[in-house]
Amino acid sequence: MGACSFTQAAYPGQQSYNGTCGDGIDPDGTNRCTNSGGCDIYGSDTIAAITSLSKPAPTPPTASAATLSWAQATWAGSWVNSLLTNSSFGNAASGKGVAIWDLDNEPSWWDAVHRDVHPDPFTYDEVTNGGIGTALAIKTVDPTAEVSGPVMDYWWDYFYSKKDVESGWSAGPCLQPFSNPVDRTAHGGTPFIEYYLQQMAAAETTYASGCWIMLTCTPTSRPTAPDSPLPETPKRNRHG
């Protein structure tokens, strides 16, 4: 059985199981659930995918430690290596491998969709350092590949982290997502995308003697009004 979010060992008594993987639902009468259809373990407002896999991005090593063996031992690097060594694919230069690796698809959703392994809102350091470590692992294993990122959604994310947004939502009197940017303030007031690119440029000098480890910045945008809501982190009460 593959990895799953709600294992029987961690969450006994669920409504149903596929092997040892539960459906994330407590049946009526279990753990204070009083709903005949069952209760979601993390609350009724969840939209979680139940196949999340906890594989944090690699921490950027010192320049001297950024070796091929280091890269191949990371989750991202081993994935790239599995394609590079597969005769059906190969490296990017072969024309059959992956030409461009995109990083960090919409991290504002991580603490909602993947809240079982990522319950907290993303921060400047998480996405920036994780992006550097992942890009470095990819480029070390396959120097012919290119990397782009971060794939951000919503215009707020160009300027603030999700930690900032949620902090703003919880701070009165206006409850605006940008009203209490604790993470941005801790990073000198620099907008998130600007900070990300600054750190990526510095990493390119540190690790690659000025060569690009990231091809392009790829923020995205949803066609919504500026005050449209971001996905909220589910409440921590089990059946609230």
Protein backbone atom coordinates (compact mmCIF):
# COMPACT_ATOMS: atom_id res chain seq x y z
CA MET A 1 0.00 0.00 0.00
CA GLY A 2 1.33 3.46 -0.87
CA ALA A 3 1.65 6.45 1.41
CA CYS A 4 -1.53 7.92 2.83
CA SER A 5 -2.57 10.76 5.09
CA PHE A 6 -4.80 9.01 7.61
CA THR A 7 -3.15 5.77 8.64
CA GLN A 8 -4.96 3.34 10.88
CA ALA A 9 -2.12 3.52 13.40
CA ALA A 10 -2.35 7.30 13.71
CA TYR A 11 -6.14 7.57 13.39
CA PRO A 12 -7.87 4.41 14.63
CA GLY A 13 -11.62 3.98 14.32
CA GLN A 14 -12.16 5.69 10.97
CA GLN A 15 -15.24 5.03 8.91
CA SER A 16 -13.49 2.85 6.34
CA TYR A 17 -10.02 1.66 5.35
CA ASN A 18 -8.23 0.63 2.18
CA GLY A 19 -5.64 -1.63 3.73
CA THR A 20 -4.22 0.51 6.53
CA CYS A 21 -5.16 3.81 4.87
CA GLY A 22 -8.29 5.44 6.26
CA ASP A 23 -10.75 7.78 4.59
CA GLY A 24 -10.20 10.56 7.15
CA ILE A 25 -13.76 10.29 8.47
CA ASP A 26 -14.80 9.45 12.01
CA PRO A 27 -18.14 7.60 12.09
CA ASP A 28 -21.11 8.83 14.08
CA GLY A 29 -20.46 8.25 17.79
CA THR A 30 -16.67 8.27 17.52
CA ASN A 31 -14.51 11.08 18.89
CA ARG A 32 -17.54 13.25 19.69
CA CYS A 33 -18.91 13.00 16.16
CA THR A 34 -22.71 13.42 16.12
CA ASN A 35 -23.24 13.48 12.36
CA SER A 36 -24.92 10.44 10.82
CA GLY A 37 -22.73 10.80 7.76
CA GLY A 38 -19.54 10.95 9.80
CA CYS A 39 -17.18 13.82 10.63
CA ASP A 40 -14.00 14.85 8.89
CA ILE A 41 -11.09 14.33 11.27
CA TYR A 42 -9.78 17.87 10.66
CA GLY A 43 -13.14 19.64 10.66
CA SER A 44 -15.96 20.26 8.23
CA ASP A 45 -14.17 22.96 6.23
CA THR A 46 -11.38 20.77 4.87
CA ILE A 47 -10.62 20.30 1.18
CA ALA A 48 -7.66 18.04 1.77
CA ALA A 49 -6.17 15.62 -0.66
CA ILE A 50 -5.70 12.39 1.25
CA THR A 51 -2.59 11.15 -0.55
CA SER A 52 -0.13 13.77 0.68
CA LEU A 53 3.49 12.71 1.13
CA SER A 54 5.73 14.46 3.62
CA LYS A 55 8.95 15.14 1.72
CA PRO A 56 10.35 18.54 2.74
CA ALA A 57 12.56 20.35 0.28
CA PRO A 58 16.30 19.85 0.75
CA THR A 59 18.11 22.36 2.92
CA PRO A 60 20.73 24.23 0.87
CA PRO A 61 24.13 22.83 1.91
CA THR A 62 27.43 24.63 2.03
CA ALA A 63 28.96 25.14 -1.38
CA SER A 64 31.56 22.43 -0.83
CA ALA A 65 28.87 19.95 0.20
CA ALA A 66 26.73 20.50 -2.89
CA THR A 67 27.94 17.31 -4.53
CA LEU A 68 26.28 14.82 -6.85
CA SER A 69 25.94 12.32 -4.01
CA TRP A 70 24.21 14.97 -1.88
CA ALA A 71 21.81 15.81 -4.70
CA GLN A 72 21.00 12.18 -5.51
CA ALA A 73 20.19 11.53 -1.85
CA THR A 74 17.48 14.22 -1.80
CA TRP A 75 13.87 13.49 -2.75
CA ALA A 76 13.97 15.92 -5.69
CA GLY A 77 17.39 14.81 -6.88
CA SER A 78 16.54 11.12 -6.72
CA TRP A 79 13.41 11.77 -8.77
CA VAL A 80 15.43 13.57 -11.45
CA ASN A 81 18.07 10.84 -11.35
CA SER A 82 15.43 8.14 -11.87
CA LEU A 83 14.47 9.77 -15.17
CA LEU A 84 18.02 10.57 -16.18
CA THR A 85 19.05 6.92 -15.82
CA ASN A 86 15.93 5.59 -17.55
CA SER A 87 16.63 4.81 -21.20
CA SER A 88 13.12 5.95 -22.12
CA PHE A 89 13.84 9.47 -20.87
CA GLY A 90 17.40 10.58 -20.08
CA ASN A 91 18.54 14.12 -19.36
CA ALA A 92 16.99 17.29 -20.68
CA ALA A 93 19.52 17.57 -23.50
CA SER A 94 18.41 14.20 -24.88
CA GLY A 95 15.11 15.68 -25.98
CA LYS A 96 13.29 12.93 -24.09
CA GLY A 97 13.85 14.03 -20.52
CA VAL A 98 12.27 16.88 -18.56
CA ALA A 99 13.43 20.20 -20.03
CA ILE A 100 12.08 22.54 -17.35
CA TRP A 101 11.22 21.72 -13.73
CA ASP A 102 8.63 24.02 -12.15
CA LEU A 103 8.80 24.60 -8.39
CA ASP A 104 6.27 25.22 -5.64
CA ASN A 105 2.85 24.99 -7.24
CA GLU A 106 0.59 27.45 -5.40
CA PRO A 107 1.97 27.21 -1.84
CA SER A 108 -0.96 29.24 -0.51
CA TRP A 109 -2.97 26.04 -0.79
CA TRP A 110 -0.51 23.78 1.02
CA ASP A 111 -1.95 24.32 4.50
CA ALA A 112 -5.44 23.58 3.18
CA VAL A 113 -5.15 20.85 0.56
CA HIS A 114 -2.15 19.13 2.15
CA ARG A 115 -2.75 20.14 5.75
CA ASP A 116 -2.04 16.63 7.04
CA VAL A 117 1.67 17.06 6.22
CA HIS A 118 1.77 20.87 5.94
CA PRO A 119 -0.61 22.38 8.52
CA ASP A 120 1.04 25.81 8.72
CA PRO A 121 0.97 28.67 6.18
CA PHE A 122 4.06 29.03 4.01
CA THR A 123 6.76 31.52 4.94
CA TYR A 124 9.41 33.50 3.08
CA ASP A 125 12.16 31.19 4.30
CA GLU A 126 10.35 27.95 3.53
CA VAL A 127 9.61 28.69 -0.13
CA THR A 128 12.85 30.59 -0.77
CA ASN A 129 15.28 28.16 0.89
CA GLY A 130 13.30 25.17 -0.31
CA GLY A 131 13.41 26.57 -3.82
CA ILE A 132 17.16 27.07 -3.67
CA GLY A 133 17.75 23.56 -2.29
CA THR A 134 15.44 21.91 -4.82
CA ALA A 135 16.77 23.87 -7.79
CA LEU A 136 20.33 23.07 -6.75
CA ALA A 137 19.56 19.36 -6.44
CA ILE A 138 17.92 19.30 -9.87
CA LYS A 139 20.72 21.19 -11.58
CA THR A 140 23.42 19.09 -9.90
CA VAL A 141 21.87 15.85 -11.09
CA ASP A 142 20.99 17.16 -14.56
CA PRO A 143 22.95 20.31 -15.48
CA THR A 144 21.16 20.41 -18.86
CA ALA A 145 17.76 20.88 -17.24
CA GLU A 146 16.25 24.26 -16.43
CA VAL A 147 14.26 25.33 -13.38
CA SER A 148 11.50 27.89 -12.98
CA GLY A 149 9.47 29.12 -10.07
CA PRO A 150 7.89 29.91 -7.75
CA VAL A 151 4.42 29.23 -9.16
CA MET A 152 2.49 31.61 -6.94
CA ASP A 153 -1.24 32.23 -7.07
CA TYR A 154 -3.08 35.40 -6.11
CA TRP A 155 -1.52 38.84 -6.31
CA TRP A 156 -1.06 38.95 -2.52
CA ASP A 157 1.56 36.24 -2.82
CA TYR A 158 3.79 38.46 -4.93
CA PHE A 159 4.18 40.75 -1.93
CA TYR A 160 3.48 38.66 1.18
CA SER A 161 3.76 35.12 2.49
CA LYS A 162 0.70 33.13 3.54
CA LYS A 163 1.87 33.63 7.11
CA ASP A 164 1.51 37.37 6.55
CA VAL A 165 -1.92 36.97 4.98
CA GLU A 166 -3.29 34.87 7.82
CA SER A 167 -1.71 37.18 10.37
CA GLY A 168 -3.48 40.10 8.70
CA TRP A 169 -6.80 38.30 8.69
CA SER A 170 -6.57 37.77 12.43
CA ALA A 171 -5.55 41.34 13.29
CA GLY A 172 -8.19 44.01 13.77
CA PRO A 173 -9.72 46.37 13.21
CA CYS A 174 -9.69 46.05 9.41
CA LEU A 175 -8.86 42.32 9.09
CA GLN A 176 -6.99 42.90 5.83
CA PRO A 177 -4.51 40.27 4.58
CA PHE A 178 -1.73 42.87 4.45
CA SER A 179 -2.46 44.61 7.77
CA ASN A 180 0.04 42.68 9.93
CA PRO A 181 2.89 41.41 7.70
CA VAL A 182 5.02 39.82 10.40
CA ASP A 183 7.01 37.69 7.96
CA ARG A 184 7.70 40.48 5.50
CA THR A 185 8.70 42.77 8.37
CA ALA A 186 11.18 40.12 9.55
CA HIS A 187 12.73 40.23 6.07
CA GLY A 188 13.35 43.96 5.94
CA GLY A 189 9.98 44.85 4.43
CA THR A 190 11.00 43.40 1.06
CA PRO A 191 8.10 42.09 -1.06
CA PHE A 192 8.14 38.31 -1.28
CA ILE A 193 8.91 37.85 -5.00
CA GLU A 194 11.64 40.49 -4.83
CA TYR A 195 13.20 38.76 -1.82
CA TYR A 196 12.96 35.36 -3.54
CA LEU A 197 14.77 36.59 -6.63
CA GLN A 198 17.45 38.33 -4.58
CA GLN A 199 18.20 35.13 -2.67
CA MET A 200 18.13 33.02 -5.82
CA ALA A 201 20.62 35.37 -7.49
CA ALA A 202 22.91 35.13 -4.46
CA ALA A 203 22.67 31.33 -4.52
CA GLU A 204 23.63 31.26 -8.18
CA THR A 205 26.87 33.02 -7.28
CA THR A 206 27.48 30.80 -4.26
CA TYR A 207 26.89 27.46 -5.94
CA ALA A 208 27.32 27.95 -9.65
CA SER A 209 29.95 30.65 -10.12
CA GLY A 210 27.36 33.03 -11.51
CA CYS A 211 25.60 30.50 -13.73
CA TRP A 212 21.81 30.33 -13.62
CA ILE A 213 20.25 27.73 -11.37
CA MET A 214 16.82 29.18 -12.12
CA LEU A 215 15.68 29.97 -15.63
CA THR A 216 12.72 32.22 -14.97
CA CYS A 217 10.36 33.49 -12.33
CA THR A 218 6.87 32.12 -12.92
CA PRO A 219 4.25 33.81 -10.75
CA THR A 220 0.71 33.05 -11.83
CA SER A 221 -2.55 34.82 -11.19
CA ARG A 222 -6.16 33.80 -10.82
CA PRO A 223 -8.84 35.98 -12.44
CA THR A 224 -10.26 37.22 -9.16
CA ALA A 225 -10.72 40.59 -7.55
CA PRO A 226 -7.91 41.78 -5.25
CA ASP A 227 -10.09 41.21 -2.19
CA SER A 228 -11.07 37.65 -3.10
CA PRO A 229 -10.29 35.17 -0.31
CA LEU A 230 -7.36 32.80 -0.18
CA PRO A 231 -7.92 29.25 1.04
CA GLU A 232 -8.13 29.29 4.79
CA THR A 233 -6.24 26.94 7.05
CA PRO A 234 -8.82 24.46 8.43
CA LYS A 235 -9.72 24.94 12.03
CA ARG A 236 -7.77 22.81 14.45
CA ASN A 237 -10.79 21.51 16.36
CA ARG A 238 -11.66 18.05 15.20
CA HIS A 239 -15.38 18.53 14.60
CA GLY A 240 -15.82 22.28 14.88
